N, C-alpha and C. Protein backbone atom coordinates (compact mmCIF):
# COMPACT_ATOMS: atom_id res chain seq x y z
N UNK A 1 -25.20 74.67 -87.24
CA UNK A 1 -23.81 74.64 -86.84
C UNK A 1 -23.72 73.92 -85.51
N UNK A 2 -22.69 73.09 -85.38
CA UNK A 2 -22.45 72.40 -84.11
C UNK A 2 -20.97 72.57 -83.78
N UNK A 3 -20.69 73.06 -82.58
CA UNK A 3 -19.32 73.23 -82.13
C UNK A 3 -19.16 72.61 -80.75
N UNK A 4 -17.93 72.46 -80.33
CA UNK A 4 -17.63 71.87 -79.03
C UNK A 4 -17.08 72.95 -78.10
N UNK A 5 -17.42 72.84 -76.82
CA UNK A 5 -16.91 73.77 -75.82
C UNK A 5 -16.51 72.98 -74.58
N UNK A 6 -15.58 73.54 -73.84
CA UNK A 6 -15.14 72.95 -72.58
C UNK A 6 -15.49 73.91 -71.46
N UNK A 7 -16.10 73.40 -70.39
CA UNK A 7 -16.49 74.25 -69.26
C UNK A 7 -15.32 74.39 -68.30
N UNK A 8 -14.96 75.62 -67.99
CA UNK A 8 -13.92 75.94 -67.01
C UNK A 8 -14.55 76.90 -66.00
N UNK A 9 -14.90 76.39 -64.83
CA UNK A 9 -15.60 77.22 -63.85
C UNK A 9 -17.00 77.53 -64.37
N UNK A 10 -17.32 78.83 -64.50
CA UNK A 10 -18.61 79.24 -65.03
C UNK A 10 -18.52 79.72 -66.47
N UNK A 11 -17.43 79.38 -67.16
CA UNK A 11 -17.19 79.86 -68.52
C UNK A 11 -17.12 78.68 -69.48
N UNK A 12 -17.71 78.84 -70.66
CA UNK A 12 -17.58 77.85 -71.72
C UNK A 12 -16.53 78.34 -72.70
N UNK A 13 -15.51 77.54 -72.93
CA UNK A 13 -14.45 77.89 -73.89
C UNK A 13 -14.76 77.16 -75.18
N UNK A 14 -15.01 77.92 -76.24
CA UNK A 14 -15.41 77.35 -77.52
C UNK A 14 -14.20 76.84 -78.29
N UNK A 15 -14.41 75.79 -79.08
CA UNK A 15 -13.32 75.18 -79.82
C UNK A 15 -13.02 75.87 -81.14
N UNK A 16 -13.84 76.81 -81.55
CA UNK A 16 -13.61 77.51 -82.81
C UNK A 16 -14.19 78.92 -82.74
N UNK A 17 -13.76 79.74 -83.68
CA UNK A 17 -14.24 81.12 -83.73
C UNK A 17 -15.67 81.15 -84.28
N UNK A 18 -16.42 82.16 -83.88
CA UNK A 18 -17.81 82.30 -84.32
C UNK A 18 -17.95 83.52 -85.22
N UNK A 19 -17.06 83.67 -86.18
CA UNK A 19 -17.06 84.83 -87.06
C UNK A 19 -18.31 84.94 -87.93
N UNK A 20 -18.97 83.81 -88.21
CA UNK A 20 -20.13 83.83 -89.09
C UNK A 20 -21.43 84.16 -88.35
N UNK A 21 -21.36 84.36 -87.03
CA UNK A 21 -22.54 84.75 -86.26
C UNK A 21 -22.41 86.24 -85.94
N UNK A 22 -23.36 87.05 -86.37
CA UNK A 22 -23.26 88.50 -86.15
C UNK A 22 -23.44 88.87 -84.67
N UNK A 23 -22.83 89.98 -84.27
CA UNK A 23 -22.99 90.48 -82.91
C UNK A 23 -24.47 90.74 -82.65
N UNK A 24 -24.93 90.44 -81.45
CA UNK A 24 -26.33 90.64 -81.08
C UNK A 24 -27.22 89.46 -81.42
N UNK A 25 -26.70 88.48 -82.13
CA UNK A 25 -27.47 87.29 -82.52
C UNK A 25 -27.73 86.44 -81.28
N UNK A 26 -28.95 85.98 -81.10
CA UNK A 26 -29.29 85.07 -80.01
C UNK A 26 -28.84 83.67 -80.39
N UNK A 27 -28.18 83.00 -79.46
CA UNK A 27 -27.67 81.65 -79.68
C UNK A 27 -28.26 80.75 -78.62
N UNK A 28 -28.79 79.60 -79.02
CA UNK A 28 -29.33 78.63 -78.08
C UNK A 28 -28.34 77.48 -77.92
N UNK A 29 -28.07 77.08 -76.68
CA UNK A 29 -27.14 76.00 -76.41
C UNK A 29 -27.88 74.77 -75.94
N UNK A 30 -27.42 73.62 -76.38
CA UNK A 30 -27.92 72.34 -75.87
C UNK A 30 -26.74 71.64 -75.23
N UNK A 31 -26.83 71.32 -73.96
CA UNK A 31 -25.74 70.68 -73.24
C UNK A 31 -25.90 69.16 -73.37
N UNK A 32 -24.88 68.52 -73.92
CA UNK A 32 -24.87 67.07 -74.06
C UNK A 32 -23.74 66.53 -73.21
N UNK A 33 -24.06 65.68 -72.27
CA UNK A 33 -23.06 65.11 -71.37
C UNK A 33 -22.37 63.96 -72.07
N UNK A 34 -21.07 64.12 -72.34
CA UNK A 34 -20.31 63.10 -73.06
C UNK A 34 -19.51 62.18 -72.14
N UNK A 35 -19.63 62.31 -70.84
CA UNK A 35 -18.91 61.48 -69.87
C UNK A 35 -17.41 61.51 -70.13
N UNK A 36 -16.84 62.68 -70.32
CA UNK A 36 -15.41 62.77 -70.60
C UNK A 36 -14.58 63.11 -69.37
N UNK A 37 -15.20 63.20 -68.23
CA UNK A 37 -14.46 63.59 -67.03
C UNK A 37 -13.99 62.37 -66.25
N UNK A 38 -13.31 61.44 -66.91
CA UNK A 38 -12.78 60.27 -66.23
C UNK A 38 -13.79 59.18 -66.00
N UNK A 39 -14.95 59.25 -66.59
CA UNK A 39 -15.97 58.23 -66.40
C UNK A 39 -15.77 57.15 -67.47
N UNK A 40 -15.03 56.11 -67.12
CA UNK A 40 -14.71 55.07 -68.08
C UNK A 40 -15.70 53.91 -68.05
N UNK A 41 -16.73 54.01 -67.26
CA UNK A 41 -17.69 52.92 -67.15
C UNK A 41 -18.42 52.67 -68.47
N UNK A 42 -18.50 53.68 -69.33
CA UNK A 42 -19.24 53.55 -70.58
C UNK A 42 -18.34 53.21 -71.76
N UNK A 43 -17.04 53.01 -71.53
CA UNK A 43 -16.12 52.74 -72.63
C UNK A 43 -16.49 51.47 -73.38
N UNK A 44 -16.70 50.39 -72.64
CA UNK A 44 -17.04 49.11 -73.28
C UNK A 44 -18.32 49.19 -74.08
N UNK A 45 -19.31 49.85 -73.54
CA UNK A 45 -20.58 50.01 -74.25
C UNK A 45 -20.38 50.85 -75.52
N UNK A 46 -19.62 51.92 -75.40
CA UNK A 46 -19.35 52.77 -76.56
C UNK A 46 -18.56 52.04 -77.62
N UNK A 47 -17.58 51.23 -77.21
CA UNK A 47 -16.80 50.45 -78.16
C UNK A 47 -17.69 49.44 -78.88
N UNK A 48 -18.55 48.79 -78.15
CA UNK A 48 -19.47 47.82 -78.75
C UNK A 48 -20.39 48.50 -79.77
N UNK A 49 -20.93 49.66 -79.41
CA UNK A 49 -21.80 50.40 -80.33
C UNK A 49 -21.04 50.84 -81.58
N UNK A 50 -19.78 51.28 -81.40
CA UNK A 50 -18.95 51.67 -82.54
C UNK A 50 -18.73 50.50 -83.48
N UNK A 51 -18.38 49.35 -82.90
CA UNK A 51 -18.12 48.16 -83.72
C UNK A 51 -19.37 47.72 -84.48
N UNK A 52 -20.51 47.81 -83.84
CA UNK A 52 -21.76 47.43 -84.51
C UNK A 52 -22.12 48.43 -85.60
N UNK A 53 -21.98 49.70 -85.32
CA UNK A 53 -22.34 50.73 -86.30
C UNK A 53 -21.43 50.71 -87.51
N UNK A 54 -20.18 50.30 -87.32
CA UNK A 54 -19.21 50.33 -88.41
C UNK A 54 -18.90 48.95 -88.97
N UNK A 55 -19.61 47.92 -88.52
CA UNK A 55 -19.45 46.56 -89.02
C UNK A 55 -17.99 46.13 -89.08
N UNK A 56 -17.28 46.29 -87.97
CA UNK A 56 -15.85 45.99 -87.91
C UNK A 56 -15.59 44.52 -88.26
N UNK A 57 -16.41 43.62 -87.77
CA UNK A 57 -16.20 42.20 -88.03
C UNK A 57 -16.28 41.87 -89.52
N UNK A 58 -17.13 42.57 -90.24
CA UNK A 58 -17.31 42.30 -91.67
C UNK A 58 -16.16 42.82 -92.53
N UNK A 59 -15.33 43.68 -91.98
CA UNK A 59 -14.23 44.25 -92.76
C UNK A 59 -13.07 43.28 -92.93
N UNK A 60 -13.03 42.22 -92.13
CA UNK A 60 -11.98 41.20 -92.19
C UNK A 60 -10.60 41.84 -92.16
N UNK A 61 -10.37 42.65 -91.14
CA UNK A 61 -9.09 43.35 -90.98
C UNK A 61 -8.04 42.40 -90.42
N UNK A 62 -6.81 42.51 -90.90
CA UNK A 62 -5.69 41.75 -90.35
C UNK A 62 -5.01 42.64 -89.32
N UNK A 63 -5.39 42.46 -88.06
CA UNK A 63 -4.90 43.31 -86.98
C UNK A 63 -3.38 43.21 -86.85
N UNK A 64 -2.82 41.99 -87.00
CA UNK A 64 -1.37 41.83 -86.90
C UNK A 64 -0.65 42.62 -87.99
N UNK A 65 -1.22 42.67 -89.18
CA UNK A 65 -0.61 43.42 -90.27
C UNK A 65 -0.72 44.93 -90.02
N UNK A 66 -1.84 45.38 -89.49
CA UNK A 66 -2.04 46.80 -89.23
C UNK A 66 -1.05 47.32 -88.20
N UNK A 67 -0.82 46.55 -87.13
CA UNK A 67 0.00 47.01 -86.02
C UNK A 67 1.43 46.44 -86.03
N UNK A 68 1.86 45.83 -87.12
CA UNK A 68 3.16 45.16 -87.14
C UNK A 68 4.33 46.12 -86.90
N UNK A 69 4.24 47.35 -87.34
CA UNK A 69 5.35 48.29 -87.20
C UNK A 69 5.16 49.28 -86.05
N UNK A 70 4.19 49.05 -85.19
CA UNK A 70 3.92 49.98 -84.10
C UNK A 70 4.92 49.79 -82.97
N UNK A 71 5.18 48.57 -82.59
CA UNK A 71 6.08 48.30 -81.46
C UNK A 71 7.53 48.31 -81.93
N UNK A 72 8.37 48.96 -81.16
CA UNK A 72 9.81 49.00 -81.45
C UNK A 72 10.39 47.63 -81.11
N UNK A 73 11.02 46.98 -82.08
CA UNK A 73 11.54 45.64 -81.88
C UNK A 73 12.96 45.62 -81.33
N UNK A 74 13.55 46.79 -81.13
CA UNK A 74 14.91 46.83 -80.60
C UNK A 74 14.92 46.41 -79.13
N UNK A 75 16.07 45.97 -78.67
CA UNK A 75 16.19 45.52 -77.28
C UNK A 75 16.43 46.70 -76.34
N UNK A 76 16.44 47.89 -76.86
CA UNK A 76 16.69 49.07 -76.04
C UNK A 76 18.09 49.60 -76.29
N UNK A 77 18.45 50.61 -75.54
CA UNK A 77 19.77 51.18 -75.76
C UNK A 77 20.85 50.30 -75.15
N UNK A 78 22.03 50.40 -75.71
CA UNK A 78 23.15 49.60 -75.27
C UNK A 78 23.66 50.11 -73.92
N UNK A 79 23.92 49.19 -73.01
CA UNK A 79 24.45 49.53 -71.70
C UNK A 79 25.83 48.91 -71.58
N UNK A 80 26.83 49.73 -71.32
CA UNK A 80 28.20 49.25 -71.17
C UNK A 80 28.55 49.29 -69.68
N UNK A 81 28.96 48.14 -69.14
CA UNK A 81 29.30 48.07 -67.71
C UNK A 81 30.78 48.04 -67.52
């Protein structure tokens, strides 16, 4: 089983309930540093690794078609002076 937790002070807040682990059961934790505390220096490297692992270039995606309806094309709300 693998779950995620967030550290708040000296407490780990778990992302899900542990109902399937009986009381008294010993649990071993492995701390993995995900650089989620505002460390954006690894974003480009992570994006590059994601693109390579998922062969984004080979999918021949039409980015303009995917995002065509994302931006609101209206000129904004009407202003009467």
